[in-house]
Amino acid sequence: MTLAQGTVPWFAGWGTLALINAGLAQGKNRSGLWWFLLSLVFGPVATLVLVLLPKVRSRLF
């Protein structure tokens, strides 16, 4: 087994977590793209921060 073959599940899990965080962020009225990118860098730490943040109220204009 080569090194590249051993890293595939790790990348798949990290990418899946980033997608889940993007959906969670949108559910809290936050930017899904921003949290997706943050999750790619910080992974589970971004998930913890996102879960602890309160939902943003949408403003009515």
PDB file of N, CA and C in Angstrom:
ATOM      1  N   MET A   1       0.849  -1.172   0.000  1.00  0.00           N
ATOM      2  CA  MET A   1       0.000   0.000   0.000  1.00  0.00           C
ATOM      3  C   MET A   1       0.901   1.244   0.000  1.00  0.00           C
ATOM      4  N   THR A   2       0.561   2.196  -0.831  1.00  0.00           N
ATOM      5  CA  THR A   2       1.333   3.437  -0.878  1.00  0.00           C
ATOM      6  C   THR A   2       0.755   4.452   0.092  1.00  0.00           C
ATOM      7  N   LEU A   3       1.480   5.503   0.319  1.00  0.00           N
ATOM      8  CA  LEU A   3       1.024   6.551   1.217  1.00  0.00           C
ATOM      9  C   LEU A   3      -0.255   7.204   0.714  1.00  0.00           C
ATOM     10  N   ALA A   4      -0.370   7.422  -0.586  1.00  0.00           N
ATOM     11  CA  ALA A   4      -1.558   8.058  -1.154  1.00  0.00           C
ATOM     12  C   ALA A   4      -2.804   7.212  -0.923  1.00  0.00           C
ATOM     13  N   GLN A   5      -2.692   5.895  -0.989  1.00  0.00           N
ATOM     14  CA  GLN A   5      -3.843   5.034  -0.761  1.00  0.00           C
ATOM     15  C   GLN A   5      -4.291   5.072   0.689  1.00  0.00           C
ATOM     16  N   GLY A   6      -3.387   5.254   1.605  1.00  0.00           N
ATOM     17  CA  GLY A   6      -3.734   5.295   3.017  1.00  0.00           C
ATOM     18  C   GLY A   6      -4.393   6.588   3.454  1.00  0.00           C
ATOM     19  N   THR A   7      -4.282   7.653   2.671  1.00  0.00           N
ATOM     20  CA  THR A   7      -4.840   8.943   3.067  1.00  0.00           C
ATOM     21  C   THR A   7      -6.224   9.207   2.502  1.00  0.00           C
ATOM     22  N   VAL A   8      -6.707   8.369   1.613  1.00  0.00           N
ATOM     23  CA  VAL A   8      -8.005   8.618   0.981  1.00  0.00           C
ATOM     24  C   VAL A   8      -9.151   8.671   2.002  1.00  0.00           C
ATOM     25  N   PRO A   9      -9.286   7.714   2.917  1.00  0.00           N
ATOM     26  CA  PRO A   9     -10.394   7.802   3.883  1.00  0.00           C
ATOM     27  C   PRO A   9     -10.312   9.051   4.762  1.00  0.00           C
ATOM     28  N   TRP A  10      -9.109   9.467   5.098  1.00  0.00           N
ATOM     29  CA  TRP A  10      -8.932  10.657   5.923  1.00  0.00           C
ATOM     30  C   TRP A  10      -9.461  11.895   5.203  1.00  0.00           C
ATOM     31  N   PHE A  11      -9.112  12.048   3.921  1.00  0.00           N
ATOM     32  CA  PHE A  11      -9.595  13.189   3.150  1.00  0.00           C
ATOM     33  C   PHE A  11     -11.101  13.129   2.952  1.00  0.00           C
ATOM     34  N   ALA A  12     -11.634  11.949   2.743  1.00  0.00           N
ATOM     35  CA  ALA A  12     -13.078  11.793   2.551  1.00  0.00           C
ATOM     36  C   ALA A  12     -13.828  12.186   3.828  1.00  0.00           C
ATOM     37  N   GLY A  13     -13.323  11.784   4.973  1.00  0.00           N
ATOM     38  CA  GLY A  13     -13.957  12.126   6.247  1.00  0.00           C
ATOM     39  C   GLY A  13     -13.885  13.617   6.542  1.00  0.00           C
ATOM     40  N   TRP A  14     -12.740  14.216   6.253  1.00  0.00           N
ATOM     41  CA  TRP A  14     -12.544  15.647   6.498  1.00  0.00           C
ATOM     42  C   TRP A  14     -13.460  16.471   5.590  1.00  0.00           C
ATOM     43  N   GLY A  15     -13.568  16.057   4.323  1.00  0.00           N
ATOM     44  CA  GLY A  15     -14.440  16.752   3.377  1.00  0.00           C
ATOM     45  C   GLY A  15     -15.906  16.600   3.743  1.00  0.00           C
ATOM     46  N   THR A  16     -16.281  15.418   4.209  1.00  0.00           N
ATOM     47  CA  THR A  16     -17.662  15.196   4.640  1.00  0.00           C
ATOM     48  C   THR A  16     -17.997  16.067   5.846  1.00  0.00           C
ATOM     49  N   LEU A  17     -17.077  16.171   6.774  1.00  0.00           N
ATOM     50  CA  LEU A  17     -17.289  17.032   7.934  1.00  0.00           C
ATOM     51  C   LEU A  17     -17.461  18.485   7.504  1.00  0.00           C
ATOM     52  N   ALA A  18     -16.694  18.938   6.529  1.00  0.00           N
ATOM     53  CA  ALA A  18     -16.814  20.312   6.038  1.00  0.00           C
ATOM     54  C   ALA A  18     -18.186  20.539   5.415  1.00  0.00           C
ATOM     55  N   LEU A  19     -18.698  19.562   4.678  1.00  0.00           N
ATOM     56  CA  LEU A  19     -20.039  19.688   4.083  1.00  0.00           C
ATOM     57  C   LEU A  19     -21.124  19.718   5.160  1.00  0.00           C
ATOM     58  N   ILE A  20     -20.972  18.889   6.167  1.00  0.00           N
ATOM     59  CA  ILE A  20     -21.935  18.883   7.278  1.00  0.00           C
ATOM     60  C   ILE A  20     -21.918  20.230   7.995  1.00  0.00           C
ATOM     61  N   ASN A  21     -20.728  20.775   8.218  1.00  0.00           N
ATOM     62  CA  ASN A  21     -20.617  22.074   8.879  1.00  0.00           C
ATOM     63  C   ASN A  21     -21.253  23.189   8.047  1.00  0.00           C
ATOM     64  N   ALA A  22     -21.121  23.114   6.732  1.00  0.00           N
ATOM     65  CA  ALA A  22     -21.741  24.115   5.863  1.00  0.00           C
ATOM     66  C   ALA A  22     -23.259  24.074   6.019  1.00  0.00           C
ATOM     67  N   GLY A  23     -23.828  22.896   6.055  1.00  0.00           N
ATOM     68  CA  GLY A  23     -25.274  22.766   6.257  1.00  0.00           C
ATOM     69  C   GLY A  23     -25.706  23.236   7.628  1.00  0.00           C
ATOM     70  N   LEU A  24     -24.926  22.910   8.642  1.00  0.00           N
ATOM     71  CA  LEU A  24     -25.216  23.361  10.002  1.00  0.00           C
ATOM     72  C   LEU A  24     -25.153  24.882  10.095  1.00  0.00           C
ATOM     73  N   ALA A  25     -24.172  25.473   9.441  1.00  0.00           N
ATOM     74  CA  ALA A  25     -24.022  26.933   9.450  1.00  0.00           C
ATOM     75  C   ALA A  25     -25.220  27.601   8.776  1.00  0.00           C
ATOM     76  N   GLN A  26     -25.656  27.059   7.657  1.00  0.00           N
ATOM     77  CA  GLN A  26     -26.817  27.648   6.968  1.00  0.00           C
ATOM     78  C   GLN A  26     -28.064  27.525   7.821  1.00  0.00           C
ATOM     79  N   GLY A  27     -28.171  26.451   8.591  1.00  0.00           N
ATOM     80  CA  GLY A  27     -29.300  26.290   9.505  1.00  0.00           C
ATOM     81  C   GLY A  27     -29.294  27.323  10.618  1.00  0.00           C
ATOM     82  N   LYS A  28     -28.133  27.884  10.896  1.00  0.00           N
ATOM     83  CA  LYS A  28     -28.008  28.931  11.912  1.00  0.00           C
ATOM     84  C   LYS A  28     -27.912  30.319  11.280  1.00  0.00           C
ATOM     85  N   ASN A  29     -28.328  30.423  10.029  1.00  0.00           N
ATOM     86  CA  ASN A  29     -28.311  31.691   9.280  1.00  0.00           C
ATOM     87  C   ASN A  29     -26.905  32.284   9.177  1.00  0.00           C
ATOM     88  N   ARG A  30     -25.930  31.436   8.975  1.00  0.00           N
ATOM     89  CA  ARG A  30     -24.548  31.864   8.777  1.00  0.00           C
ATOM     90  C   ARG A  30     -24.095  31.428   7.392  1.00  0.00           C
ATOM     91  N   SER A  31     -22.977  31.947   6.938  1.00  0.00           N
ATOM     92  CA  SER A  31     -22.470  31.654   5.602  1.00  0.00           C
ATOM     93  C   SER A  31     -21.973  30.210   5.511  1.00  0.00           C
ATOM     94  N   GLY A  32     -22.637  29.411   4.674  1.00  0.00           N
ATOM     95  CA  GLY A  32     -22.221  28.033   4.485  1.00  0.00           C
ATOM     96  C   GLY A  32     -20.857  27.920   3.830  1.00  0.00           C
ATOM     97  N   LEU A  33     -20.592  28.772   2.851  1.00  0.00           N
ATOM     98  CA  LEU A  33     -19.300  28.740   2.161  1.00  0.00           C
ATOM     99  C   LEU A  33     -18.156  29.075   3.116  1.00  0.00           C
ATOM    100  N   TRP A  34     -18.333  30.111   3.906  1.00  0.00           N
ATOM    101  CA  TRP A  34     -17.298  30.523   4.858  1.00  0.00           C
ATOM    102  C   TRP A  34     -16.996  29.387   5.841  1.00  0.00           C
ATOM    103  N   TRP A  35     -18.037  28.766   6.380  1.00  0.00           N
ATOM    104  CA  TRP A  35     -17.821  27.696   7.339  1.00  0.00           C
ATOM    105  C   TRP A  35     -17.294  26.431   6.678  1.00  0.00           C
ATOM    106  N   PHE A  36     -17.634  26.198   5.416  1.00  0.00           N
ATOM    107  CA  PHE A  36     -17.056  25.078   4.677  1.00  0.00           C
ATOM    108  C   PHE A  36     -15.547  25.254   4.578  1.00  0.00           C
ATOM    109  N   LEU A  37     -15.119  26.458   4.193  1.00  0.00           N
ATOM    110  CA  LEU A  37     -13.684  26.730   4.062  1.00  0.00           C
ATOM    111  C   LEU A  37     -12.967  26.669   5.407  1.00  0.00           C
ATOM    112  N   LEU A  38     -13.598  27.210   6.446  1.00  0.00           N
ATOM    113  CA  LEU A  38     -13.002  27.128   7.780  1.00  0.00           C
ATOM    114  C   LEU A  38     -12.857  25.674   8.232  1.00  0.00           C
ATOM    115  N   SER A  39     -13.850  24.870   7.900  1.00  0.00           N
ATOM    116  CA  SER A  39     -13.830  23.471   8.297  1.00  0.00           C
ATOM    117  C   SER A  39     -12.755  22.678   7.564  1.00  0.00           C
ATOM    118  N   LEU A  40     -12.454  23.061   6.340  1.00  0.00           N
ATOM    119  CA  LEU A  40     -11.380  22.388   5.626  1.00  0.00           C
ATOM    120  C   LEU A  40     -10.035  22.625   6.317  1.00  0.00           C
ATOM    121  N   VAL A  41      -9.891  23.786   6.940  1.00  0.00           N
ATOM    122  CA  VAL A  41      -8.631  24.126   7.610  1.00  0.00           C
ATOM    123  C   VAL A  41      -8.604  23.615   9.057  1.00  0.00           C
ATOM    124  N   PHE A  42      -9.690  23.860   9.795  1.00  0.00           N
ATOM    125  CA  PHE A  42      -9.701  23.577  11.233  1.00  0.00           C
ATOM    126  C   PHE A  42     -10.445  22.316  11.637  1.00  0.00           C
ATOM    127  N   GLY A  43     -11.221  21.736  10.739  1.00  0.00           N
ATOM    128  CA  GLY A  43     -11.898  20.463  10.979  1.00  0.00           C
ATOM    129  C   GLY A  43     -12.810  20.440  12.191  1.00  0.00           C
ATOM    130  N   PRO A  44     -12.599  19.498  13.101  1.00  0.00           N
ATOM    131  CA  PRO A  44     -13.484  19.339  14.258  1.00  0.00           C
ATOM    132  C   PRO A  44     -13.534  20.552  15.185  1.00  0.00           C
ATOM    133  N   VAL A  45     -12.490  21.342  15.211  1.00  0.00           N
ATOM    134  CA  VAL A  45     -12.500  22.553  16.042  1.00  0.00           C
ATOM    135  C   VAL A  45     -13.554  23.529  15.513  1.00  0.00           C
ATOM    136  N   ALA A  46     -13.652  23.654  14.190  1.00  0.00           N
ATOM    137  CA  ALA A  46     -14.677  24.510  13.587  1.00  0.00           C
ATOM    138  C   ALA A  46     -16.063  23.972  13.908  1.00  0.00           C
ATOM    139  N   THR A  47     -16.223  22.666  13.936  1.00  0.00           N
ATOM    140  CA  THR A  47     -17.507  22.067  14.285  1.00  0.00           C
ATOM    141  C   THR A  47     -17.897  22.448  15.703  1.00  0.00           C
ATOM    142  N   LEU A  48     -16.974  22.340  16.627  1.00  0.00           N
ATOM    143  CA  LEU A  48     -17.248  22.691  18.022  1.00  0.00           C
ATOM    144  C   LEU A  48     -17.653  24.153  18.151  1.00  0.00           C
ATOM    145  N   VAL A  49     -16.919  25.040  17.496  1.00  0.00           N
ATOM    146  CA  VAL A  49     -17.238  26.470  17.556  1.00  0.00           C
ATOM    147  C   VAL A  49     -18.617  26.730  16.965  1.00  0.00           C
ATOM    148  N   LEU A  50     -18.914  26.114  15.847  1.00  0.00           N
ATOM    149  CA  LEU A  50     -20.193  26.314  15.168  1.00  0.00           C
ATOM    150  C   LEU A  50     -21.354  25.816  16.020  1.00  0.00           C
ATOM    151  N   VAL A  51     -21.180  24.700  16.678  1.00  0.00           N
ATOM    152  CA  VAL A  51     -22.241  24.161  17.534  1.00  0.00           C
ATOM    153  C   VAL A  51     -22.493  25.079  18.726  1.00  0.00           C
ATOM    154  N   LEU A  52     -21.454  25.691  19.252  1.00  0.00           N
ATOM    155  CA  LEU A  52     -21.606  26.556  20.423  1.00  0.00           C
ATOM    156  C   LEU A  52     -22.137  27.952  20.091  1.00  0.00           C
ATOM    157  N   LEU A  53     -22.013  28.384  18.829  1.00  0.00           N
ATOM    158  CA  LEU A  53     -22.502  29.707  18.445  1.00  0.00           C
ATOM    159  C   LEU A  53     -24.033  29.726  18.388  1.00  0.00           C
ATOM    160  N   PRO A  54     -24.638  30.830  18.829  1.00  0.00           N
ATOM    161  CA  PRO A  54     -26.095  30.917  18.739  1.00  0.00           C
ATOM    162  C   PRO A  54     -26.556  31.186  17.307  1.00  0.00           C
ATOM    163  N   LYS A  55     -27.818  30.906  17.056  1.00  0.00           N
ATOM    164  CA  LYS A  55     -28.399  31.176  15.749  1.00  0.00           C
ATOM    165  C   LYS A  55     -28.512  32.681  15.543  1.00  0.00           C
ATOM    166  N   VAL A  56     -28.191  33.143  14.343  1.00  0.00           N
ATOM    167  CA  VAL A  56     -28.271  34.562  14.019  1.00  0.00           C
ATOM    168  C   VAL A  56     -29.682  34.884  13.602  1.00  0.00           C
ATOM    169  N   ARG A  57     -30.239  35.919  14.194  1.00  0.00           N
ATOM    170  CA  ARG A  57     -31.580  36.346  13.791  1.00  0.00           C
ATOM    171  C   ARG A  57     -31.502  37.052  12.457  1.00  0.00           C
ATOM    172  N   SER A  58     -32.452  36.770  11.612  1.00  0.00           N
ATOM    173  CA  SER A  58     -32.490  37.492  10.319  1.00  0.00           C
ATOM    174  C   SER A  58     -33.222  38.796  10.540  1.00  0.00           C
ATOM    175  N   ARG A  59     -32.679  39.846   9.948  1.00  0.00           N
ATOM    176  CA  ARG A  59     -33.286  41.180  10.091  1.00  0.00           C
ATOM    177  C   ARG A  59     -34.347  41.380   9.032  1.00  0.00           C
ATOM    178  N   LEU A  60     -35.423  41.989   9.425  1.00  0.00           N
ATOM    179  CA  LEU A  60     -36.475  42.331   8.478  1.00  0.00           C
ATOM    180  C   LEU A  60     -36.345  43.796   8.108  1.00  0.00           C
ATOM    181  N   PHE A  61     -36.214  44.081   6.836  1.00  0.00           N
ATOM    182  CA  PHE A  61     -36.052  45.467   6.402  1.00  0.00           C
ATOM    183  C   PHE A  61     -37.329  45.983   5.818  1.00  0.00           C
TER     184      PHE A  61
END
